[in-house]
Amino acid sequence: MVLPDKYYTLIKWIVLTVLPASSVLVGMLGKAYGWNGTDMAVLTINAIATFFGVITGVSAFNLKNKED
């Protein structure tokens, strides 16, 4: 499956910028304020980032093979 360019660009930006920054923000604030479930929230954000990272990588790989 090859994602359309606009979706690929959006997902790539979210995966490489938004999700890691969100993970750090939740982790730091959660520890600072003593929020329960901080570790689970960070783990969830990182799992989502990994999932979308794999989708993005597979799409890029398929597009490269399609163009060759």
N, C-alpha and C. Protein backbone atom coordinates (compact mmCIF):
# COMPACT_ATOMS: atom_id res chain seq x y z
N MET A 1 0.84 -1.18 0.00
CA MET A 1 0.00 0.00 0.00
C MET A 1 0.88 1.24 0.00
N VAL A 2 0.55 2.19 -0.83
CA VAL A 2 1.28 3.46 -0.90
C VAL A 2 0.33 4.57 -0.46
N LEU A 3 0.74 5.31 0.56
CA LEU A 3 -0.08 6.43 1.04
C LEU A 3 0.06 7.61 0.09
N PRO A 4 -1.02 8.37 -0.11
CA PRO A 4 -0.90 9.61 -0.88
C PRO A 4 0.09 10.55 -0.19
N ASP A 5 0.75 11.38 -0.97
CA ASP A 5 1.83 12.23 -0.45
C ASP A 5 1.40 13.12 0.70
N LYS A 6 0.21 13.70 0.63
CA LYS A 6 -0.22 14.61 1.70
C LYS A 6 -0.41 13.86 3.01
N TYR A 7 -0.90 12.62 2.96
CA TYR A 7 -1.06 11.82 4.18
C TYR A 7 0.30 11.36 4.70
N TYR A 8 1.17 10.96 3.78
CA TYR A 8 2.51 10.53 4.17
C TYR A 8 3.24 11.66 4.88
N THR A 9 3.18 12.87 4.32
CA THR A 9 3.86 14.02 4.92
C THR A 9 3.29 14.34 6.30
N LEU A 10 1.98 14.31 6.43
CA LEU A 10 1.34 14.59 7.71
C LEU A 10 1.72 13.54 8.76
N ILE A 11 1.61 12.27 8.39
CA ILE A 11 1.94 11.20 9.33
C ILE A 11 3.42 11.27 9.72
N LYS A 12 4.28 11.53 8.74
CA LYS A 12 5.71 11.63 9.03
C LYS A 12 5.98 12.76 10.02
N TRP A 13 5.34 13.91 9.85
CA TRP A 13 5.53 15.03 10.78
C TRP A 13 5.02 14.67 12.17
N ILE A 14 3.88 14.01 12.23
CA ILE A 14 3.33 13.61 13.53
C ILE A 14 4.25 12.61 14.21
N VAL A 15 4.72 11.62 13.45
CA VAL A 15 5.55 10.56 14.02
C VAL A 15 6.92 11.09 14.45
N LEU A 16 7.51 11.97 13.66
CA LEU A 16 8.87 12.44 13.95
C LEU A 16 8.92 13.65 14.87
N THR A 17 7.81 14.38 15.00
CA THR A 17 7.84 15.61 15.78
C THR A 17 6.84 15.61 16.93
N VAL A 18 5.58 15.45 16.60
CA VAL A 18 4.51 15.64 17.59
C VAL A 18 4.51 14.54 18.65
N LEU A 19 4.54 13.28 18.24
CA LEU A 19 4.44 12.20 19.23
C LEU A 19 5.64 12.12 20.17
N PRO A 20 6.88 12.21 19.68
CA PRO A 20 8.00 12.21 20.63
C PRO A 20 7.96 13.39 21.60
N ALA A 21 7.61 14.56 21.09
CA ALA A 21 7.51 15.74 21.96
C ALA A 21 6.40 15.55 22.99
N SER A 22 5.29 14.99 22.57
CA SER A 22 4.18 14.73 23.50
C SER A 22 4.57 13.72 24.57
N SER A 23 5.30 12.71 24.17
CA SER A 23 5.75 11.70 25.11
C SER A 23 6.64 12.30 26.19
N VAL A 24 7.58 13.13 25.77
CA VAL A 24 8.47 13.79 26.74
C VAL A 24 7.68 14.73 27.64
N LEU A 25 6.78 15.50 27.06
CA LEU A 25 5.98 16.44 27.84
C LEU A 25 5.14 15.72 28.89
N VAL A 26 4.45 14.67 28.49
CA VAL A 26 3.63 13.91 29.44
C VAL A 26 4.50 13.27 30.51
N GLY A 27 5.63 12.72 30.10
CA GLY A 27 6.53 12.08 31.06
C GLY A 27 7.09 13.06 32.09
N MET A 28 7.53 14.21 31.62
CA MET A 28 8.11 15.21 32.53
C MET A 28 7.05 15.81 33.45
N LEU A 29 5.93 16.23 32.88
CA LEU A 29 4.88 16.84 33.72
C LEU A 29 4.27 15.81 34.66
N GLY A 30 4.09 14.60 34.17
CA GLY A 30 3.52 13.56 35.01
C GLY A 30 4.37 13.26 36.22
N LYS A 31 5.66 13.17 36.03
CA LYS A 31 6.57 12.92 37.16
C LYS A 31 6.62 14.14 38.08
N ALA A 32 6.65 15.32 37.50
CA ALA A 32 6.75 16.55 38.31
C ALA A 32 5.51 16.74 39.19
N TYR A 33 4.34 16.41 38.65
CA TYR A 33 3.10 16.62 39.39
C TYR A 33 2.59 15.36 40.09
N GLY A 34 3.30 14.27 39.93
CA GLY A 34 2.91 13.03 40.60
C GLY A 34 1.64 12.41 40.05
N TRP A 35 1.40 12.56 38.76
CA TRP A 35 0.20 11.99 38.15
C TRP A 35 0.30 10.47 38.12
N ASN A 36 -0.79 9.83 38.44
CA ASN A 36 -0.86 8.37 38.32
C ASN A 36 -1.01 8.00 36.85
N GLY A 37 -0.38 6.92 36.46
CA GLY A 37 -0.52 6.45 35.09
C GLY A 37 0.38 7.13 34.08
N THR A 38 1.34 7.91 34.56
CA THR A 38 2.25 8.60 33.63
C THR A 38 3.02 7.61 32.77
N ASP A 39 3.56 6.58 33.40
CA ASP A 39 4.34 5.60 32.64
C ASP A 39 3.49 4.92 31.57
N MET A 40 2.24 4.61 31.90
CA MET A 40 1.35 3.97 30.92
C MET A 40 1.03 4.92 29.77
N ALA A 41 0.84 6.20 30.08
CA ALA A 41 0.56 7.18 29.03
C ALA A 41 1.75 7.33 28.10
N VAL A 42 2.95 7.40 28.66
CA VAL A 42 4.16 7.52 27.83
C VAL A 42 4.34 6.27 26.97
N LEU A 43 4.13 5.12 27.56
CA LEU A 43 4.23 3.86 26.81
C LEU A 43 3.22 3.83 25.66
N THR A 44 2.01 4.29 25.91
CA THR A 44 0.97 4.32 24.88
C THR A 44 1.35 5.26 23.74
N ILE A 45 1.82 6.45 24.08
CA ILE A 45 2.23 7.41 23.05
C ILE A 45 3.37 6.83 22.21
N ASN A 46 4.34 6.19 22.86
CA ASN A 46 5.46 5.61 22.12
C ASN A 46 5.01 4.43 21.25
N ALA A 47 4.04 3.66 21.71
CA ALA A 47 3.51 2.56 20.90
C ALA A 47 2.81 3.09 19.65
N ILE A 48 2.05 4.16 19.82
CA ILE A 48 1.37 4.79 18.67
C ILE A 48 2.40 5.33 17.69
N ALA A 49 3.44 5.97 18.20
CA ALA A 49 4.50 6.51 17.34
C ALA A 49 5.18 5.39 16.56
N THR A 50 5.45 4.27 17.22
CA THR A 50 6.07 3.14 16.54
C THR A 50 5.16 2.56 15.47
N PHE A 51 3.88 2.41 15.79
CA PHE A 51 2.91 1.89 14.83
C PHE A 51 2.87 2.74 13.56
N PHE A 52 2.71 4.05 13.74
CA PHE A 52 2.65 4.93 12.57
C PHE A 52 4.00 5.05 11.87
N GLY A 53 5.09 4.90 12.62
CA GLY A 53 6.41 4.89 12.00
C GLY A 53 6.59 3.71 11.06
N VAL A 54 6.09 2.56 11.48
CA VAL A 54 6.16 1.36 10.62
C VAL A 54 5.31 1.55 9.37
N ILE A 55 4.11 2.08 9.53
CA ILE A 55 3.25 2.33 8.37
C ILE A 55 3.93 3.28 7.39
N THR A 56 4.53 4.33 7.92
CA THR A 56 5.23 5.31 7.08
C THR A 56 6.41 4.67 6.37
N GLY A 57 7.17 3.86 7.10
CA GLY A 57 8.32 3.19 6.50
C GLY A 57 7.93 2.20 5.42
N VAL A 58 6.88 1.43 5.65
CA VAL A 58 6.40 0.47 4.65
C VAL A 58 5.91 1.21 3.41
N SER A 59 5.20 2.30 3.61
CA SER A 59 4.71 3.09 2.48
C SER A 59 5.87 3.65 1.66
N ALA A 60 6.89 4.17 2.33
CA ALA A 60 8.06 4.70 1.62
C ALA A 60 8.78 3.59 0.86
N PHE A 61 8.91 2.42 1.47
CA PHE A 61 9.56 1.28 0.82
C PHE A 61 8.77 0.85 -0.41
N ASN A 62 7.45 0.75 -0.27
CA ASN A 62 6.61 0.34 -1.41
C ASN A 62 6.65 1.36 -2.54
N LEU A 63 6.66 2.63 -2.20
CA LEU A 63 6.73 3.67 -3.22
C LEU A 63 8.05 3.59 -3.97
N LYS A 64 9.14 3.39 -3.24
CA LYS A 64 10.46 3.28 -3.87
C LYS A 64 10.50 2.09 -4.83
N ASN A 65 9.96 0.96 -4.41
CA ASN A 65 9.93 -0.23 -5.26
C ASN A 65 9.01 -0.05 -6.46
N LYS A 66 7.93 0.70 -6.28
CA LYS A 66 6.98 0.94 -7.37
C LYS A 66 7.61 1.83 -8.44
N GLU A 67 8.45 2.79 -8.02
CA GLU A 67 9.08 3.71 -8.96
C GLU A 67 10.22 3.05 -9.73
N ASP A 68 10.82 1.98 -9.17
CA ASP A 68 11.96 1.32 -9.83
C ASP A 68 11.55 0.45 -10.96
